Amino acid sequence: MALARMRTKDEAHKQLLIDDPYSAVTKHALYVMMRSGQIPTMRVGTKRLINYDALLAYLANPPQQLEPDERGKIRRLNG
């Protein structure tokens, strides 16, 4: 049985850049994915760890947007 590769946000970002030097994923993007629950994390003391393999699986198959993006469109004001 293989152990899960648990990493801090900074360590996961560093490993991601080693695996893919041209990756556009930032530390802030990892933080947002962690806080929103898109990627699983676990708390160990004061640290929050990311399962690196789950992160790679998420990035390989991100969920599709369910609703169209509404930014940049003119909206009717009710009032």
N, C-alpha and C. Protein backbone atom coordinates (compact mmCIF):
# COMPACT_ATOMS: atom_id res chain seq x y z
N MET A 1 0.84 -1.18 0.00
CA MET A 1 0.00 0.00 0.00
C MET A 1 0.88 1.24 0.00
N ALA A 2 0.63 2.13 -0.95
CA ALA A 2 1.43 3.34 -1.06
C ALA A 2 0.88 4.41 -0.12
N LEU A 3 1.78 5.16 0.46
CA LEU A 3 1.37 6.27 1.33
C LEU A 3 0.92 7.46 0.50
N ALA A 4 -0.03 8.19 1.02
CA ALA A 4 -0.47 9.42 0.37
C ALA A 4 0.64 10.46 0.47
N ARG A 5 0.82 11.21 -0.60
CA ARG A 5 1.83 12.27 -0.60
C ARG A 5 1.18 13.55 -0.09
N MET A 6 1.31 13.79 1.21
CA MET A 6 0.70 14.95 1.85
C MET A 6 1.71 16.09 1.86
N ARG A 7 1.26 17.25 1.42
CA ARG A 7 2.14 18.42 1.31
C ARG A 7 1.42 19.66 1.85
N THR A 8 2.22 20.60 2.35
CA THR A 8 1.66 21.91 2.67
C THR A 8 1.40 22.63 1.35
N LYS A 9 0.70 23.75 1.42
CA LYS A 9 0.40 24.53 0.21
C LYS A 9 1.69 24.91 -0.52
N ASP A 10 2.67 25.40 0.22
CA ASP A 10 3.94 25.82 -0.39
C ASP A 10 4.69 24.64 -0.99
N GLU A 11 4.72 23.52 -0.26
CA GLU A 11 5.41 22.33 -0.76
C GLU A 11 4.71 21.77 -2.00
N ALA A 12 3.37 21.78 -2.01
CA ALA A 12 2.62 21.28 -3.16
C ALA A 12 2.89 22.16 -4.38
N HIS A 13 2.93 23.48 -4.17
CA HIS A 13 3.21 24.39 -5.27
C HIS A 13 4.62 24.17 -5.82
N LYS A 14 5.57 23.99 -4.92
CA LYS A 14 6.96 23.75 -5.34
C LYS A 14 7.06 22.45 -6.13
N GLN A 15 6.40 21.38 -5.66
CA GLN A 15 6.42 20.10 -6.36
C GLN A 15 5.72 20.20 -7.72
N LEU A 16 4.65 20.96 -7.77
CA LEU A 16 3.92 21.16 -9.03
C LEU A 16 4.81 21.84 -10.06
N LEU A 17 5.59 22.83 -9.63
CA LEU A 17 6.50 23.52 -10.55
C LEU A 17 7.66 22.62 -10.97
N ILE A 18 8.05 21.67 -10.13
CA ILE A 18 9.08 20.71 -10.52
C ILE A 18 8.51 19.77 -11.58
N ASP A 19 7.27 19.29 -11.36
CA ASP A 19 6.63 18.38 -12.30
C ASP A 19 6.26 19.08 -13.61
N ASP A 20 5.87 20.35 -13.54
CA ASP A 20 5.46 21.12 -14.71
C ASP A 20 5.98 22.55 -14.55
N PRO A 21 7.18 22.82 -15.07
CA PRO A 21 7.79 24.15 -14.88
C PRO A 21 6.96 25.30 -15.44
N TYR A 22 6.07 25.04 -16.39
CA TYR A 22 5.28 26.10 -17.00
C TYR A 22 3.87 26.18 -16.42
N SER A 23 3.64 25.56 -15.28
CA SER A 23 2.32 25.56 -14.67
C SER A 23 1.90 26.98 -14.31
N ALA A 24 0.63 27.29 -14.56
CA ALA A 24 0.09 28.61 -14.24
C ALA A 24 -0.62 28.61 -12.89
N VAL A 25 -0.62 27.48 -12.19
CA VAL A 25 -1.28 27.38 -10.89
C VAL A 25 -0.43 28.12 -9.86
N THR A 26 -1.04 29.08 -9.17
CA THR A 26 -0.33 29.88 -8.18
C THR A 26 -0.62 29.36 -6.77
N LYS A 27 0.14 29.85 -5.81
CA LYS A 27 -0.11 29.49 -4.41
C LYS A 27 -1.49 29.97 -3.98
N HIS A 28 -1.88 31.15 -4.47
CA HIS A 28 -3.20 31.68 -4.11
C HIS A 28 -4.31 30.78 -4.68
N ALA A 29 -4.12 30.28 -5.90
CA ALA A 29 -5.11 29.37 -6.49
C ALA A 29 -5.23 28.10 -5.64
N LEU A 30 -4.12 27.58 -5.16
CA LEU A 30 -4.16 26.41 -4.27
C LEU A 30 -4.91 26.75 -2.99
N TYR A 31 -4.67 27.94 -2.44
CA TYR A 31 -5.35 28.37 -1.23
C TYR A 31 -6.86 28.41 -1.44
N VAL A 32 -7.29 28.97 -2.58
CA VAL A 32 -8.71 29.06 -2.88
C VAL A 32 -9.32 27.66 -3.03
N MET A 33 -8.61 26.76 -3.71
CA MET A 33 -9.10 25.39 -3.86
C MET A 33 -9.20 24.68 -2.52
N MET A 34 -8.26 24.96 -1.63
CA MET A 34 -8.29 24.35 -0.30
C MET A 34 -9.48 24.87 0.51
N ARG A 35 -9.65 26.18 0.53
CA ARG A 35 -10.70 26.80 1.35
C ARG A 35 -12.10 26.46 0.85
N SER A 36 -12.25 26.30 -0.46
CA SER A 36 -13.57 26.00 -1.02
C SER A 36 -13.92 24.52 -0.96
N GLY A 37 -12.93 23.68 -0.62
CA GLY A 37 -13.19 22.24 -0.53
C GLY A 37 -13.06 21.53 -1.87
N GLN A 38 -12.54 22.19 -2.88
CA GLN A 38 -12.38 21.55 -4.18
C GLN A 38 -11.34 20.44 -4.13
N ILE A 39 -10.31 20.63 -3.31
CA ILE A 39 -9.32 19.57 -3.11
C ILE A 39 -9.33 19.20 -1.62
N PRO A 40 -9.21 17.91 -1.32
CA PRO A 40 -9.27 17.50 0.08
C PRO A 40 -8.02 17.90 0.86
N THR A 41 -8.22 18.32 2.09
CA THR A 41 -7.12 18.68 2.97
C THR A 41 -7.34 18.01 4.32
N MET A 42 -6.29 17.97 5.10
CA MET A 42 -6.44 17.50 6.47
C MET A 42 -5.59 18.39 7.37
N ARG A 43 -6.07 18.61 8.54
CA ARG A 43 -5.39 19.47 9.50
C ARG A 43 -4.51 18.61 10.39
N VAL A 44 -3.25 19.02 10.52
CA VAL A 44 -2.29 18.37 11.41
C VAL A 44 -1.66 19.48 12.25
N GLY A 45 -2.12 19.58 13.48
CA GLY A 45 -1.67 20.68 14.33
C GLY A 45 -2.17 21.99 13.76
N THR A 46 -1.25 22.89 13.46
CA THR A 46 -1.65 24.17 12.88
C THR A 46 -1.54 24.18 11.36
N LYS A 47 -1.04 23.08 10.78
CA LYS A 47 -0.85 23.01 9.33
C LYS A 47 -2.06 22.36 8.66
N ARG A 48 -2.31 22.76 7.44
CA ARG A 48 -3.33 22.13 6.62
C ARG A 48 -2.58 21.48 5.45
N LEU A 49 -2.75 20.16 5.30
CA LEU A 49 -2.02 19.40 4.29
C LEU A 49 -2.92 19.04 3.12
N ILE A 50 -2.32 19.03 1.93
CA ILE A 50 -3.01 18.68 0.69
C ILE A 50 -2.54 17.29 0.27
N ASN A 51 -3.47 16.45 -0.16
CA ASN A 51 -3.11 15.19 -0.78
C ASN A 51 -2.66 15.53 -2.20
N TYR A 52 -1.37 15.43 -2.46
CA TYR A 52 -0.81 15.87 -3.74
C TYR A 52 -1.38 15.09 -4.91
N ASP A 53 -1.61 13.80 -4.74
CA ASP A 53 -2.17 12.99 -5.82
C ASP A 53 -3.61 13.41 -6.13
N ALA A 54 -4.38 13.78 -5.09
CA ALA A 54 -5.74 14.27 -5.31
C ALA A 54 -5.71 15.61 -6.03
N LEU A 55 -4.73 16.45 -5.71
CA LEU A 55 -4.56 17.72 -6.41
C LEU A 55 -4.31 17.50 -7.89
N LEU A 56 -3.41 16.57 -8.21
CA LEU A 56 -3.12 16.28 -9.62
C LEU A 56 -4.35 15.74 -10.34
N ALA A 57 -5.12 14.87 -9.66
CA ALA A 57 -6.34 14.32 -10.25
C ALA A 57 -7.35 15.44 -10.50
N TYR A 58 -7.47 16.37 -9.56
CA TYR A 58 -8.40 17.49 -9.72
C TYR A 58 -7.98 18.37 -10.90
N LEU A 59 -6.69 18.66 -11.00
CA LEU A 59 -6.21 19.50 -12.10
C LEU A 59 -6.34 18.81 -13.45
N ALA A 60 -6.24 17.48 -13.47
CA ALA A 60 -6.38 16.73 -14.72
C ALA A 60 -7.83 16.72 -15.20
N ASN A 61 -8.79 16.72 -14.27
CA ASN A 61 -10.21 16.67 -14.61
C ASN A 61 -11.00 17.67 -13.78
N PRO A 62 -10.84 18.97 -14.05
CA PRO A 62 -11.59 19.95 -13.25
C PRO A 62 -13.08 19.86 -13.57
N PRO A 63 -13.93 20.18 -12.60
CA PRO A 63 -15.37 20.15 -12.86
C PRO A 63 -15.76 21.24 -13.85
N GLN A 64 -16.78 20.97 -14.62
CA GLN A 64 -17.26 21.93 -15.60
C GLN A 64 -18.10 23.00 -14.90
N GLN A 65 -18.07 24.22 -15.43
CA GLN A 65 -18.90 25.29 -14.89
C GLN A 65 -20.35 24.98 -15.19
N LEU A 66 -21.20 25.07 -14.20
CA LEU A 66 -22.61 24.77 -14.39
C LEU A 66 -23.38 25.96 -14.93
N GLU A 67 -23.01 27.16 -14.53
CA GLU A 67 -23.72 28.36 -14.96
C GLU A 67 -22.78 29.21 -15.81
N PRO A 68 -23.32 29.89 -16.82
CA PRO A 68 -22.47 30.76 -17.62
C PRO A 68 -21.95 31.92 -16.79
N ASP A 69 -20.81 32.39 -17.14
CA ASP A 69 -20.18 33.51 -16.43
C ASP A 69 -20.95 34.79 -16.73
N GLU A 70 -21.39 35.50 -15.70
CA GLU A 70 -22.21 36.69 -15.86
C GLU A 70 -21.39 37.99 -15.82
N ARG A 71 -20.10 37.91 -15.62
CA ARG A 71 -19.30 39.14 -15.56
C ARG A 71 -19.23 39.78 -16.92
N GLY A 72 -19.27 41.11 -16.94
CA GLY A 72 -19.11 41.85 -18.18
C GLY A 72 -20.41 42.03 -18.96
N LYS A 73 -21.53 41.58 -18.42
CA LYS A 73 -22.80 41.74 -19.11
C LYS A 73 -23.62 42.84 -18.43
N ILE A 74 -24.46 43.49 -19.21
CA ILE A 74 -25.35 44.52 -18.68
C ILE A 74 -26.54 43.83 -18.02
N ARG A 75 -26.83 44.23 -16.78
CA ARG A 75 -27.94 43.63 -16.03
C ARG A 75 -29.02 44.68 -15.78
N ARG A 76 -30.25 44.25 -15.79
CA ARG A 76 -31.37 45.14 -15.49
C ARG A 76 -31.40 45.41 -13.99
N LEU A 77 -31.56 46.67 -13.61
CA LEU A 77 -31.69 47.04 -12.21
C LEU A 77 -33.15 47.11 -11.85
N ASN A 78 -33.53 46.45 -10.80
CA ASN A 78 -34.90 46.52 -10.31
C ASN A 78 -34.98 47.63 -9.28
N GLY A 79 -35.90 48.51 -9.42
CA GLY A 79 -35.95 49.55 -8.42
C GLY A 79 -36.98 50.52 -8.60
